[in-house]
Amino acid sequence: MRITRATPRQATACVRGYRRIWGQGDLCPGISWWVLDGSAENGFCGAYVTADGVTVYMTAAYVAPEYRGRGAQLRMLRARMAWGRTRGCEKARTYTWTSNIQSQRSLARVGFLPVKLYTRKDGAWLVFERPLR
């Protein structure tokens, strides 16, 4: 199982997958994408560096059912944290639904801690952070 930076064509597929799964149209400019085993259909994830250059913000992770339970999410988290380190980031930040216990477990396994709770009309989200140094 390999996590690689997306080519421009794969990045377009990641955006399409993101919009299909989460139904949201706009994404932050400057998102870098990764794919699982060469295809966004297998899994994808994104990340960007915040304007202040301090935080790598990890977003939009998806793993196809046939890849679940095999460590794909952990590999995607580690790839994006490494990418953030190479850009001089000091911390990583991400979020997940409060109901997504598996995602919370994966985040805890690589050192993330919950730092904030957001409640919106569509549900509650937990924000997680961890230092990169």
N, C-alpha and C. Protein backbone atom coordinates (compact mmCIF):
# COMPACT_ATOMS: atom_id res chain seq x y z
N MET A 1 0.85 -1.17 0.00
CA MET A 1 0.00 0.00 0.00
C MET A 1 0.90 1.23 0.00
N ARG A 2 0.69 2.12 -0.98
CA ARG A 2 1.51 3.32 -1.10
C ARG A 2 0.66 4.59 -1.12
N ILE A 3 1.16 5.60 -0.44
CA ILE A 3 0.56 6.93 -0.46
C ILE A 3 1.51 7.81 -1.26
N THR A 4 1.04 8.41 -2.35
CA THR A 4 1.89 9.26 -3.18
C THR A 4 1.19 10.59 -3.46
N ARG A 5 2.00 11.61 -3.72
CA ARG A 5 1.44 12.90 -4.11
C ARG A 5 0.69 12.72 -5.42
N ALA A 6 -0.43 13.36 -5.53
CA ALA A 6 -1.28 13.24 -6.71
C ALA A 6 -0.71 14.02 -7.89
N THR A 7 -0.83 13.44 -9.06
CA THR A 7 -0.54 14.17 -10.30
C THR A 7 -1.68 15.16 -10.50
N PRO A 8 -1.55 16.11 -11.43
CA PRO A 8 -2.66 17.04 -11.68
C PRO A 8 -3.97 16.32 -12.03
N ARG A 9 -3.89 15.27 -12.83
CA ARG A 9 -5.11 14.52 -13.20
C ARG A 9 -5.71 13.82 -11.98
N GLN A 10 -4.85 13.23 -11.14
CA GLN A 10 -5.33 12.57 -9.92
C GLN A 10 -5.91 13.60 -8.95
N ALA A 11 -5.31 14.78 -8.87
CA ALA A 11 -5.83 15.83 -7.99
C ALA A 11 -7.23 16.24 -8.41
N THR A 12 -7.47 16.32 -9.71
CA THR A 12 -8.82 16.62 -10.21
C THR A 12 -9.80 15.54 -9.76
N ALA A 13 -9.37 14.28 -9.81
CA ALA A 13 -10.23 13.17 -9.35
C ALA A 13 -10.47 13.27 -7.85
N CYS A 14 -9.48 13.72 -7.08
CA CYS A 14 -9.65 13.90 -5.64
C CYS A 14 -10.73 14.94 -5.36
N VAL A 15 -10.68 16.06 -6.08
CA VAL A 15 -11.67 17.12 -5.89
C VAL A 15 -13.06 16.61 -6.24
N ARG A 16 -13.17 15.86 -7.34
CA ARG A 16 -14.47 15.28 -7.72
C ARG A 16 -14.97 14.33 -6.63
N GLY A 17 -14.07 13.49 -6.11
CA GLY A 17 -14.44 12.56 -5.04
C GLY A 17 -14.87 13.30 -3.79
N TYR A 18 -14.16 14.34 -3.45
CA TYR A 18 -14.50 15.15 -2.28
C TYR A 18 -15.91 15.72 -2.42
N ARG A 19 -16.19 16.29 -3.57
CA ARG A 19 -17.52 16.89 -3.80
C ARG A 19 -18.61 15.84 -3.82
N ARG A 20 -18.31 14.66 -4.37
CA ARG A 20 -19.29 13.57 -4.41
C ARG A 20 -19.60 13.06 -3.00
N ILE A 21 -18.59 12.90 -2.18
CA ILE A 21 -18.77 12.32 -0.85
C ILE A 21 -19.35 13.32 0.13
N TRP A 22 -18.80 14.52 0.16
CA TRP A 22 -19.20 15.49 1.17
C TRP A 22 -20.15 16.57 0.65
N GLY A 23 -20.36 16.62 -0.66
CA GLY A 23 -21.34 17.54 -1.22
C GLY A 23 -20.98 19.01 -1.09
N GLN A 24 -19.73 19.31 -0.89
CA GLN A 24 -19.31 20.70 -0.77
C GLN A 24 -18.58 21.09 -2.03
N GLY A 25 -18.80 22.31 -2.47
CA GLY A 25 -18.23 22.74 -3.73
C GLY A 25 -16.88 23.41 -3.62
N ASP A 26 -16.69 24.30 -2.67
CA ASP A 26 -15.46 25.08 -2.63
C ASP A 26 -14.45 24.46 -1.68
N LEU A 27 -13.22 24.45 -2.13
CA LEU A 27 -12.11 23.98 -1.32
C LEU A 27 -11.11 25.11 -1.20
N CYS A 28 -10.33 25.08 -0.15
CA CYS A 28 -9.29 26.10 0.02
C CYS A 28 -8.31 26.03 -1.13
N PRO A 29 -7.90 27.19 -1.65
CA PRO A 29 -6.88 27.15 -2.70
C PRO A 29 -5.56 26.64 -2.12
N GLY A 30 -4.79 26.01 -2.95
CA GLY A 30 -3.48 25.54 -2.52
C GLY A 30 -3.46 24.19 -1.84
N ILE A 31 -4.56 23.46 -1.89
CA ILE A 31 -4.56 22.11 -1.29
C ILE A 31 -3.65 21.20 -2.11
N SER A 32 -2.79 20.47 -1.42
CA SER A 32 -1.99 19.42 -2.04
C SER A 32 -2.71 18.10 -1.78
N TRP A 33 -2.74 17.24 -2.77
CA TRP A 33 -3.48 15.99 -2.68
C TRP A 33 -2.55 14.79 -2.71
N TRP A 34 -2.97 13.71 -2.05
CA TRP A 34 -2.29 12.42 -2.07
C TRP A 34 -3.31 11.36 -2.47
N VAL A 35 -2.84 10.29 -3.09
CA VAL A 35 -3.72 9.19 -3.46
C VAL A 35 -3.18 7.88 -2.91
N LEU A 36 -4.05 6.93 -2.77
CA LEU A 36 -3.73 5.60 -2.24
C LEU A 36 -3.58 4.63 -3.41
N ASP A 37 -2.44 3.98 -3.48
CA ASP A 37 -2.15 3.02 -4.54
C ASP A 37 -2.48 3.54 -5.94
N GLY A 38 -2.12 4.80 -6.18
CA GLY A 38 -2.20 5.36 -7.52
C GLY A 38 -3.56 5.82 -8.00
N SER A 39 -4.59 5.81 -7.14
CA SER A 39 -5.92 6.20 -7.61
C SER A 39 -6.75 6.82 -6.50
N ALA A 40 -7.43 7.91 -6.83
CA ALA A 40 -8.34 8.54 -5.88
C ALA A 40 -9.52 7.63 -5.55
N GLU A 41 -9.81 6.66 -6.42
CA GLU A 41 -10.89 5.71 -6.13
C GLU A 41 -10.55 4.83 -4.93
N ASN A 42 -9.27 4.56 -4.71
CA ASN A 42 -8.84 3.75 -3.58
C ASN A 42 -8.83 4.56 -2.29
N GLY A 43 -8.49 5.81 -2.41
CA GLY A 43 -8.43 6.69 -1.25
C GLY A 43 -7.68 7.96 -1.61
N PHE A 44 -7.99 9.03 -0.89
CA PHE A 44 -7.31 10.30 -1.12
C PHE A 44 -7.33 11.11 0.15
N CYS A 45 -6.46 12.10 0.19
CA CYS A 45 -6.44 13.03 1.31
C CYS A 45 -5.78 14.31 0.85
N GLY A 46 -6.06 15.39 1.57
CA GLY A 46 -5.51 16.68 1.20
C GLY A 46 -4.92 17.38 2.40
N ALA A 47 -4.10 18.39 2.11
CA ALA A 47 -3.51 19.20 3.16
C ALA A 47 -3.06 20.53 2.57
N TYR A 48 -3.02 21.54 3.42
CA TYR A 48 -2.45 22.82 3.00
C TYR A 48 -1.78 23.46 4.19
N VAL A 49 -0.88 24.40 3.91
CA VAL A 49 -0.18 25.14 4.95
C VAL A 49 -0.94 26.45 5.17
N THR A 50 -1.21 26.77 6.43
CA THR A 50 -1.94 28.00 6.74
C THR A 50 -1.12 29.22 6.35
N ALA A 51 -1.78 30.36 6.22
CA ALA A 51 -1.15 31.59 5.76
C ALA A 51 0.05 32.00 6.62
N ASP A 52 -0.02 31.71 7.91
CA ASP A 52 1.10 32.09 8.79
C ASP A 52 2.28 31.12 8.70
N GLY A 53 2.11 30.01 7.96
CA GLY A 53 3.19 29.05 7.78
C GLY A 53 3.47 28.16 8.97
N VAL A 54 2.66 28.23 10.00
CA VAL A 54 2.91 27.49 11.24
C VAL A 54 2.23 26.13 11.25
N THR A 55 1.09 26.01 10.59
CA THR A 55 0.25 24.82 10.71
C THR A 55 0.02 24.15 9.37
N VAL A 56 0.16 22.82 9.34
CA VAL A 56 -0.31 22.05 8.19
C VAL A 56 -1.72 21.60 8.56
N TYR A 57 -2.69 21.98 7.73
CA TYR A 57 -4.08 21.66 7.99
C TYR A 57 -4.45 20.48 7.10
N MET A 58 -4.78 19.38 7.73
CA MET A 58 -5.06 18.15 7.01
C MET A 58 -6.57 17.98 6.86
N THR A 59 -7.00 17.74 5.63
CA THR A 59 -8.42 17.73 5.34
C THR A 59 -8.77 16.64 4.33
N ALA A 60 -10.04 16.37 4.21
CA ALA A 60 -10.59 15.55 3.12
C ALA A 60 -9.98 14.17 2.98
N ALA A 61 -9.98 13.38 4.02
CA ALA A 61 -9.45 12.01 3.92
C ALA A 61 -10.57 11.03 3.64
N TYR A 62 -10.33 10.16 2.67
CA TYR A 62 -11.29 9.11 2.32
C TYR A 62 -10.51 7.83 2.03
N VAL A 63 -11.00 6.72 2.53
CA VAL A 63 -10.42 5.41 2.24
C VAL A 63 -11.55 4.50 1.76
N ALA A 64 -11.35 3.89 0.59
CA ALA A 64 -12.35 2.97 0.03
C ALA A 64 -12.54 1.78 0.97
N PRO A 65 -13.74 1.22 1.02
CA PRO A 65 -14.03 0.12 1.95
C PRO A 65 -13.04 -1.04 1.88
N GLU A 66 -12.59 -1.40 0.68
CA GLU A 66 -11.67 -2.54 0.57
C GLU A 66 -10.28 -2.26 1.13
N TYR A 67 -9.97 -1.00 1.43
CA TYR A 67 -8.68 -0.64 2.02
C TYR A 67 -8.77 -0.38 3.52
N ARG A 68 -9.96 -0.33 4.04
CA ARG A 68 -10.13 -0.02 5.46
C ARG A 68 -9.63 -1.15 6.34
N GLY A 69 -9.15 -0.76 7.53
CA GLY A 69 -8.65 -1.74 8.48
C GLY A 69 -7.24 -2.25 8.17
N ARG A 70 -6.57 -1.60 7.22
CA ARG A 70 -5.23 -2.04 6.80
C ARG A 70 -4.17 -0.97 7.03
N GLY A 71 -4.50 0.09 7.76
CA GLY A 71 -3.52 1.13 8.08
C GLY A 71 -3.42 2.26 7.08
N ALA A 72 -4.33 2.33 6.13
CA ALA A 72 -4.27 3.39 5.11
C ALA A 72 -4.39 4.78 5.72
N GLN A 73 -5.32 4.95 6.65
CA GLN A 73 -5.52 6.26 7.27
C GLN A 73 -4.26 6.70 8.01
N LEU A 74 -3.63 5.79 8.74
CA LEU A 74 -2.40 6.13 9.46
C LEU A 74 -1.30 6.55 8.49
N ARG A 75 -1.18 5.85 7.38
CA ARG A 75 -0.17 6.21 6.38
C ARG A 75 -0.45 7.58 5.78
N MET A 76 -1.72 7.87 5.54
CA MET A 76 -2.07 9.18 5.00
C MET A 76 -1.77 10.29 6.01
N LEU A 77 -2.06 10.05 7.27
CA LEU A 77 -1.74 11.04 8.30
C LEU A 77 -0.24 11.29 8.35
N ARG A 78 0.54 10.23 8.37
CA ARG A 78 2.00 10.37 8.46
C ARG A 78 2.58 11.08 7.23
N ALA A 79 2.06 10.78 6.06
CA ALA A 79 2.55 11.43 4.83
C ALA A 79 2.31 12.93 4.88
N ARG A 80 1.14 13.33 5.33
CA ARG A 80 0.83 14.75 5.38
C ARG A 80 1.61 15.46 6.49
N MET A 81 1.85 14.79 7.62
CA MET A 81 2.66 15.40 8.67
C MET A 81 4.10 15.59 8.18
N ALA A 82 4.64 14.60 7.49
CA ALA A 82 6.00 14.72 6.94
C ALA A 82 6.07 15.87 5.95
N TRP A 83 5.07 15.99 5.11
CA TRP A 83 5.01 17.09 4.14
C TRP A 83 5.00 18.43 4.86
N GLY A 84 4.22 18.54 5.93
CA GLY A 84 4.18 19.78 6.71
C GLY A 84 5.53 20.11 7.33
N ARG A 85 6.22 19.10 7.83
CA ARG A 85 7.55 19.33 8.40
C ARG A 85 8.51 19.90 7.37
N THR A 86 8.45 19.38 6.14
CA THR A 86 9.36 19.86 5.09
C THR A 86 9.06 21.31 4.71
N ARG A 87 7.89 21.78 5.06
CA ARG A 87 7.52 23.17 4.79
C ARG A 87 7.69 24.06 6.01
N GLY A 88 8.29 23.53 7.05
CA GLY A 88 8.60 24.32 8.23
C GLY A 88 7.46 24.48 9.22
N CYS A 89 6.41 23.70 9.07
CA CYS A 89 5.27 23.80 9.99
C CYS A 89 5.66 23.28 11.38
N GLU A 90 5.05 23.87 12.39
CA GLU A 90 5.31 23.49 13.76
C GLU A 90 4.24 22.57 14.34
N LYS A 91 3.04 22.61 13.74
CA LYS A 91 1.96 21.76 14.25
C LYS A 91 1.07 21.30 13.11
N ALA A 92 0.31 20.25 13.39
CA ALA A 92 -0.68 19.72 12.44
C ALA A 92 -2.05 19.86 13.08
N ARG A 93 -3.04 20.12 12.24
CA ARG A 93 -4.42 20.27 12.71
C ARG A 93 -5.34 19.55 11.74
N THR A 94 -6.38 18.93 12.29
CA THR A 94 -7.39 18.28 11.48
C THR A 94 -8.68 18.23 12.27
N TYR A 95 -9.69 17.63 11.70
CA TYR A 95 -11.00 17.56 12.36
C TYR A 95 -11.73 16.30 11.91
N THR A 96 -12.72 15.92 12.70
CA THR A 96 -13.58 14.80 12.33
C THR A 96 -14.91 14.95 13.06
N TRP A 97 -15.91 14.28 12.56
CA TRP A 97 -17.20 14.25 13.24
C TRP A 97 -17.04 13.64 14.63
N THR A 98 -17.81 14.09 15.58
CA THR A 98 -17.77 13.48 16.91
C THR A 98 -18.21 12.02 16.86
N SER A 99 -19.01 11.67 15.88
CA SER A 99 -19.50 10.30 15.76
C SER A 99 -18.50 9.36 15.08
N ASN A 100 -17.43 9.88 14.52
CA ASN A 100 -16.46 9.06 13.79
C ASN A 100 -15.36 8.57 14.75
N ILE A 101 -15.69 7.56 15.51
CA ILE A 101 -14.80 7.03 16.54
C ILE A 101 -13.54 6.43 15.91
N GLN A 102 -13.66 5.75 14.78
CA GLN A 102 -12.49 5.14 14.14
C GLN A 102 -11.47 6.21 13.74
N SER A 103 -11.94 7.31 13.19
CA SER A 103 -11.03 8.40 12.83
C SER A 103 -10.35 8.97 14.08
N GLN A 104 -11.11 9.14 15.14
CA GLN A 104 -10.53 9.66 16.39
C GLN A 104 -9.45 8.71 16.93
N ARG A 105 -9.67 7.42 16.81
CA ARG A 105 -8.67 6.44 17.26
C ARG A 105 -7.40 6.54 16.42
N SER A 106 -7.56 6.68 15.10
CA SER A 106 -6.40 6.82 14.23
C SER A 106 -5.61 8.08 14.58
N LEU A 107 -6.31 9.16 14.82
CA LEU A 107 -5.64 10.41 15.19
C LEU A 107 -4.87 10.25 16.50
N ALA A 108 -5.48 9.61 17.47
CA ALA A 108 -4.81 9.40 18.76
C ALA A 108 -3.57 8.54 18.60
N ARG A 109 -3.62 7.56 17.70
CA ARG A 109 -2.47 6.66 17.51
C ARG A 109 -1.23 7.38 17.00
N VAL A 110 -1.42 8.52 16.33
CA VAL A 110 -0.26 9.28 15.84
C VAL A 110 -0.05 10.57 16.62
N GLY A 111 -0.65 10.64 17.83
CA GLY A 111 -0.34 11.73 18.75
C GLY A 111 -1.23 12.95 18.74
N PHE A 112 -2.35 12.90 18.04
CA PHE A 112 -3.27 14.05 18.04
C PHE A 112 -4.10 14.06 19.31
N LEU A 113 -4.41 15.26 19.77
CA LEU A 113 -5.29 15.46 20.92
C LEU A 113 -6.43 16.39 20.52
N PRO A 114 -7.64 16.15 21.05
CA PRO A 114 -8.74 17.07 20.76
C PRO A 114 -8.51 18.41 21.45
N VAL A 115 -8.76 19.50 20.71
CA VAL A 115 -8.53 20.84 21.27
C VAL A 115 -9.77 21.74 21.23
N LYS A 116 -10.77 21.36 20.42
CA LYS A 116 -11.94 22.22 20.31
C LYS A 116 -13.13 21.43 19.77
N LEU A 117 -14.31 21.82 20.17
CA LEU A 117 -15.55 21.22 19.69
C LEU A 117 -16.35 22.30 18.97
N TYR A 118 -16.78 21.99 17.75
CA TYR A 118 -17.65 22.88 16.99
C TYR A 118 -19.00 22.19 16.82
N THR A 119 -20.06 22.92 17.07
CA THR A 119 -21.40 22.39 16.83
C THR A 119 -22.04 23.23 15.73
N ARG A 120 -22.53 22.54 14.69
CA ARG A 120 -23.18 23.20 13.57
C ARG A 120 -24.53 22.53 13.34
N LYS A 121 -25.28 23.06 12.39
CA LYS A 121 -26.59 22.47 12.08
C LYS A 121 -26.47 21.02 11.63
N ASP A 122 -25.36 20.71 10.93
CA ASP A 122 -25.21 19.36 10.39
C ASP A 122 -24.52 18.39 11.34
N GLY A 123 -24.19 18.83 12.54
CA GLY A 123 -23.57 17.93 13.51
C GLY A 123 -22.43 18.59 14.26
N ALA A 124 -21.73 17.79 15.04
CA ALA A 124 -20.63 18.30 15.86
C ALA A 124 -19.30 17.75 15.34
N TRP A 125 -18.30 18.60 15.36
CA TRP A 125 -16.95 18.27 14.90
C TRP A 125 -15.97 18.44 16.04
N LEU A 126 -14.98 17.58 16.09
CA LEU A 126 -13.86 17.75 17.01
C LEU A 126 -12.63 18.18 16.20
N VAL A 127 -11.94 19.19 16.71
CA VAL A 127 -10.69 19.64 16.10
C VAL A 127 -9.54 19.01 16.89
N PHE A 128 -8.56 18.47 16.19
CA PHE A 128 -7.41 17.82 16.81
C PHE A 128 -6.12 18.52 16.37
N GLU A 129 -5.13 18.55 17.28
CA GLU A 129 -3.83 19.10 16.96
C GLU A 129 -2.73 18.24 17.55
N ARG A 130 -1.54 18.42 16.98
CA ARG A 130 -0.34 17.81 17.55
C ARG A 130 0.87 18.58 17.05
N PRO A 131 1.92 18.64 17.88
CA PRO A 131 3.15 19.30 17.41
C PRO A 131 3.85 18.42 16.38
N LEU A 132 4.62 19.07 15.51
CA LEU A 132 5.38 18.32 14.50
C LEU A 132 6.85 18.22 14.83
N ARG A 133 7.30 18.93 15.80
CA ARG A 133 8.73 18.92 16.16
C ARG A 133 9.02 17.89 17.22
